[in-house]
Protein backbone atom coordinates (compact mmCIF):
# COMPACT_ATOMS: atom_id res chain seq x y z
CA MET A 1 31.29 -74.18 -2.32
CA ASN A 2 34.06 -72.30 -2.80
CA LYS A 3 35.96 -71.11 0.11
CA LEU A 4 35.35 -67.25 -0.93
CA HIS A 5 32.07 -68.12 -1.39
CA GLU A 6 31.33 -68.24 2.59
CA LEU A 7 33.27 -64.40 3.11
CA GLU A 8 31.20 -63.48 0.42
CA ASN A 9 27.50 -64.61 2.49
CA LEU A 10 28.75 -62.96 5.41
CA LEU A 11 29.28 -59.58 4.01
CA GLY A 12 26.13 -60.18 2.44
CA TYR A 13 27.70 -58.88 -0.95
CA ASN A 14 28.46 -60.64 -4.49
CA PHE A 15 31.64 -59.86 -6.39
CA LYS A 16 31.00 -59.51 -9.76
CA GLU A 17 34.81 -59.33 -9.92
CA PRO A 18 36.41 -61.74 -7.64
CA ILE A 19 40.00 -60.84 -8.01
CA LEU A 20 39.06 -57.77 -5.51
CA LEU A 21 38.08 -59.59 -3.43
CA LYS A 22 41.85 -62.07 -3.00
CA THR A 23 43.67 -59.06 -3.37
CA ALA A 24 41.98 -57.81 -0.08
CA LEU A 25 43.64 -60.77 1.21
CA THR A 26 46.92 -60.94 -0.30
CA HIS A 27 49.90 -59.76 2.37
CA SER A 28 52.81 -58.35 1.01
CA SER A 29 54.92 -61.35 1.67
CA PHE A 30 52.48 -63.54 -0.30
CA ILE A 31 53.09 -61.55 -3.98
CA ALA A 32 56.71 -61.80 -2.97
CA LYS A 33 56.85 -65.65 -4.11
CA ASN A 34 53.40 -65.33 -6.57
CA LYS A 35 54.77 -62.95 -9.38
CA GLY A 36 51.99 -61.53 -10.58
CA LEU A 37 49.74 -60.38 -8.09
CA ASP A 38 48.77 -57.25 -5.77
CA SER A 39 49.10 -57.31 -2.34
CA ASN A 40 45.91 -55.29 -0.28
CA GLU A 41 48.11 -52.44 0.37
CA ARG A 42 46.52 -49.63 -2.09
CA LEU A 43 42.79 -51.32 -1.31
CA GLU A 44 43.49 -50.47 2.62
CA PHE A 45 44.13 -47.29 1.57
CA LEU A 46 41.06 -46.26 -0.28
CA GLY A 47 38.81 -48.45 2.16
CA ASP A 48 40.18 -46.67 5.06
CA ALA A 49 38.26 -43.22 3.43
CA ALA A 50 35.47 -45.23 2.62
CA LEU A 51 34.59 -46.20 5.68
CA GLU A 52 35.54 -42.65 7.52
CA LEU A 53 32.81 -41.87 5.10
CA CYS A 54 30.45 -44.11 5.27
CA ILE A 55 30.17 -44.19 9.40
CA SER A 56 30.13 -40.03 9.50
CA ASN A 57 26.79 -40.75 7.51
CA ILE A 58 25.12 -43.21 8.92
CA LEU A 59 26.95 -40.81 12.29
CA TYR A 60 24.82 -38.20 11.41
CA LYS A 61 21.79 -39.40 10.34
CA ARG A 62 21.20 -41.52 13.68
CA PHE A 63 21.79 -38.81 15.90
CA PRO A 64 20.76 -35.61 14.78
CA ASN A 65 21.07 -33.63 18.39
CA SER A 66 25.32 -34.43 18.54
CA ALA A 67 27.45 -31.78 18.12
CA GLU A 68 30.17 -31.67 15.67
CA GLY A 69 32.50 -32.85 18.16
CA LYS A 70 31.01 -35.46 19.30
CA LEU A 71 30.65 -37.12 16.23
CA THR A 72 34.02 -36.99 15.58
CA ILE A 73 35.00 -39.20 19.01
CA MET A 74 31.79 -41.56 18.31
CA ARG A 75 33.34 -41.74 14.35
CA SER A 76 36.94 -42.80 15.71
CA ARG A 77 35.83 -45.47 17.96
CA LEU A 78 34.01 -47.15 14.64
CA VAL A 79 36.93 -47.04 12.68
CA SER A 80 39.36 -47.61 15.32
CA LYS A 81 41.88 -50.68 14.83
CA LYS A 82 39.54 -52.32 18.07
CA ALA A 83 36.28 -52.12 16.19
CA LEU A 84 38.03 -53.53 13.12
CA ILE A 85 39.02 -56.62 14.88
CA LYS A 86 35.66 -57.16 15.74
CA ILE A 87 34.27 -57.31 12.44
CA ALA A 88 37.02 -59.40 10.91
CA MET A 89 36.47 -62.24 14.15
CA LYS A 90 32.31 -61.56 12.38
CA LEU A 91 33.66 -61.83 8.95
CA LYS A 92 36.31 -64.62 10.12
CA ILE A 93 38.74 -62.97 7.82
CA LYS A 94 41.54 -65.21 9.71
CA GLU A 95 40.46 -67.93 7.34
CA TYR A 96 40.88 -66.67 3.98
CA ILE A 97 43.92 -64.41 4.45
CA ARG A 98 47.22 -65.30 1.73
CA VAL A 99 50.89 -64.71 3.53
CA GLY A 100 53.89 -66.13 2.01
CA GLU A 101 54.94 -67.05 5.70
CA GLU A 102 53.28 -67.62 8.61
CA ILE A 103 55.84 -66.29 10.85
CA ILE A 104 54.20 -63.04 9.56
CA LEU A 105 50.67 -63.74 10.76
CA ALA A 106 51.91 -64.66 14.23
CA ASN A 107 54.05 -61.28 14.48
CA SER A 108 51.42 -59.11 12.83
CA SER A 109 48.50 -60.78 13.41
CA SER A 110 45.87 -58.02 13.97
CA ARG A 111 47.09 -55.63 12.08
CA PHE A 112 47.28 -57.33 8.74
CA ILE A 113 43.43 -58.92 10.01
CA SER A 114 42.16 -55.38 10.88
CA SER A 115 44.12 -53.90 7.43
CA CYS A 116 42.32 -56.29 5.48
CA VAL A 117 38.87 -55.48 6.66
CA GLU A 118 39.72 -51.73 4.85
CA SER A 119 40.59 -53.64 2.15
CA ILE A 120 38.07 -55.47 1.87
CA ILE A 121 35.75 -52.55 2.14
CA GLY A 122 38.08 -50.66 -0.65
CA ALA A 123 37.73 -53.77 -2.44
CA ILE A 124 33.37 -53.81 -2.02
CA PHE A 125 33.52 -50.40 -2.89
CA LEU A 126 35.34 -50.40 -6.35
CA ASP A 127 33.17 -53.22 -7.34
CA SER A 128 29.58 -51.74 -6.64
CA ASP A 129 29.14 -48.09 -5.81
CA ILE A 130 28.83 -45.59 -2.76
CA ILE A 131 25.16 -46.56 -1.32
CA SER A 132 25.91 -50.00 -1.78
CA LEU A 133 28.75 -49.55 0.06
CA GLN A 134 27.05 -48.61 2.84
CA LYS A 135 24.02 -50.38 3.61
CA ILE A 136 27.32 -53.89 3.81
CA ILE A 137 28.79 -50.92 6.56
CA GLU A 138 25.83 -50.35 8.21
CA ASN A 139 24.53 -54.09 8.67
CA LEU A 140 28.00 -55.02 9.96
CA TRP A 141 28.66 -52.12 12.15
CA SER A 142 25.05 -52.23 13.45
CA PRO A 143 25.28 -53.30 16.95
CA LEU A 144 28.79 -51.59 17.40
CA ILE A 145 26.93 -48.76 16.25
CA LYS A 146 23.35 -49.51 18.88
CA ASN A 147 26.09 -49.64 21.98
CA ILE A 148 28.18 -46.80 20.93
CA ARG A 149 29.25 -44.10 23.43
CA ASP A 150 30.99 -40.95 23.22
CA ARG A 151 32.84 -40.65 26.88
CA GLN A 152 35.24 -42.51 25.86
CA ASN A 153 38.17 -40.38 27.91
CA TYR A 154 40.77 -39.22 25.79
CA LYS A 155 42.21 -37.08 27.93
CA ASN A 156 43.10 -39.71 30.50
CA LEU A 157 44.27 -42.16 28.30
CA LEU A 158 47.04 -40.04 26.63
CA GLN A 159 48.25 -38.66 29.88
CA GLN A 160 48.53 -42.04 30.72
CA LYS A 161 50.46 -43.47 28.02
CA LEU A 162 52.60 -39.96 28.92
CA GLN A 163 53.44 -41.30 32.63
CA LYS A 164 53.99 -44.39 31.47
CA ASN A 165 56.50 -42.94 29.25
CA GLY A 166 58.09 -40.74 32.02
CA GLY A 167 57.30 -37.94 29.22
CA TYR A 168 55.77 -34.23 29.84
CA LEU A 169 52.40 -33.78 31.14
CA PRO A 170 49.56 -32.36 28.97
CA GLU A 171 48.68 -28.86 28.58
CA TYR A 172 44.92 -27.80 27.01
CA ARG A 173 45.20 -23.81 25.99
CA VAL A 174 42.27 -22.00 24.50
CA VAL A 175 43.42 -20.37 21.61
CA SER A 176 40.11 -19.02 19.94
CA LYS A 177 36.85 -18.72 19.92
CA LEU A 178 34.52 -18.27 17.05
CA GLY A 179 30.98 -17.72 16.66
CA PRO A 180 28.53 -14.85 18.44
CA ASP A 181 28.73 -15.23 22.06
CA ASN A 182 25.77 -17.19 22.76
CA SER A 183 26.64 -20.28 20.54
CA PRO A 184 30.36 -19.81 20.47
CA ILE A 185 33.02 -22.53 18.98
CA PHE A 186 36.52 -23.20 21.25
CA VAL A 187 39.46 -23.82 19.70
CA ILE A 188 41.75 -25.87 21.87
CA ALA A 189 45.36 -26.22 21.86
CA LEU A 190 47.44 -29.64 23.31
CA PHE A 191 51.03 -28.29 24.46
CA ILE A 192 53.20 -30.95 25.35
CA ASN A 193 56.42 -29.61 26.81
CA ASN A 194 55.26 -26.06 25.72
CA LEU A 195 55.23 -27.05 21.93
CA GLU A 196 51.86 -27.39 20.48
CA VAL A 197 50.84 -30.67 19.08
CA SER A 198 47.26 -30.90 18.32
CA ARG A 199 44.23 -28.75 17.75
CA GLY A 200 40.41 -29.27 18.92
CA LYS A 201 36.87 -27.75 18.12
CA ALA A 202 34.04 -27.83 19.46
CA ARG A 203 31.21 -25.99 21.03
CA ASN A 204 32.09 -26.74 24.81
CA LYS A 205 35.94 -26.53 26.25
CA LYS A 206 36.32 -30.23 27.28
CA THR A 207 34.82 -31.51 24.20
CA ALA A 208 37.50 -29.64 22.48
CA GLU A 209 39.83 -31.22 24.81
CA GLN A 210 39.00 -34.71 24.38
CA ILE A 211 39.25 -34.33 19.99
CA ALA A 212 43.00 -32.65 20.95
CA ALA A 213 44.09 -35.72 23.06
CA LEU A 214 42.03 -38.12 20.07
CA TYR A 215 44.41 -36.12 17.19
CA TYR A 216 47.37 -36.24 18.90
CA LEU A 217 46.54 -39.59 19.97
CA LYS A 218 46.32 -40.97 16.20
CA LYS A 219 49.36 -39.50 15.16
CA ILE A 220 52.15 -41.02 18.48
CA GLN A 221 50.18 -44.68 17.59
CA LYS A 222 50.79 -44.39 13.64
């Protein structure tokens, strides 16, 4: 059996254009020694957006009583690097990737392996359609979605990170309140050293603060 057929079986999808799957597994270091090939970077860009859309749709349908803020936090956990690594292990991605030097894989293993998951998603989207892709994502992410909790404390994570680096403590301020008094939406700004760095919006202040902390964590982790 062709080695990539094994990966297709794990994905539950057979590519009409197998070159897309090969590209999704190709590190830029590999094309340096194999001219005429493409790396997975553009597919990663596409897959990142497609994954967010599909996960958003799945959460929207599965949690009809959850507010926007809680859905945002759950989505963040499902598209995080940690979640992508779990999917990569499930698909045995490390067995199929193409890199130019083993030292590159050793130095950036988790980053590249998680990017391959997003690249494969981008490849499936190009090879099929968003409906087919969502079914595949729902199947692969099913255990993670089943166990999802929206209780991740991003405020604590941020404070620990800032204290570890000897920085200023975060400060959260209500900057506006939208909508009617009986059902307001709070907009919270996160300040560090009196400089606004992000905002969160939700139907209660605590969730809005969590979202503001989450957005800033994403900024500083890039």
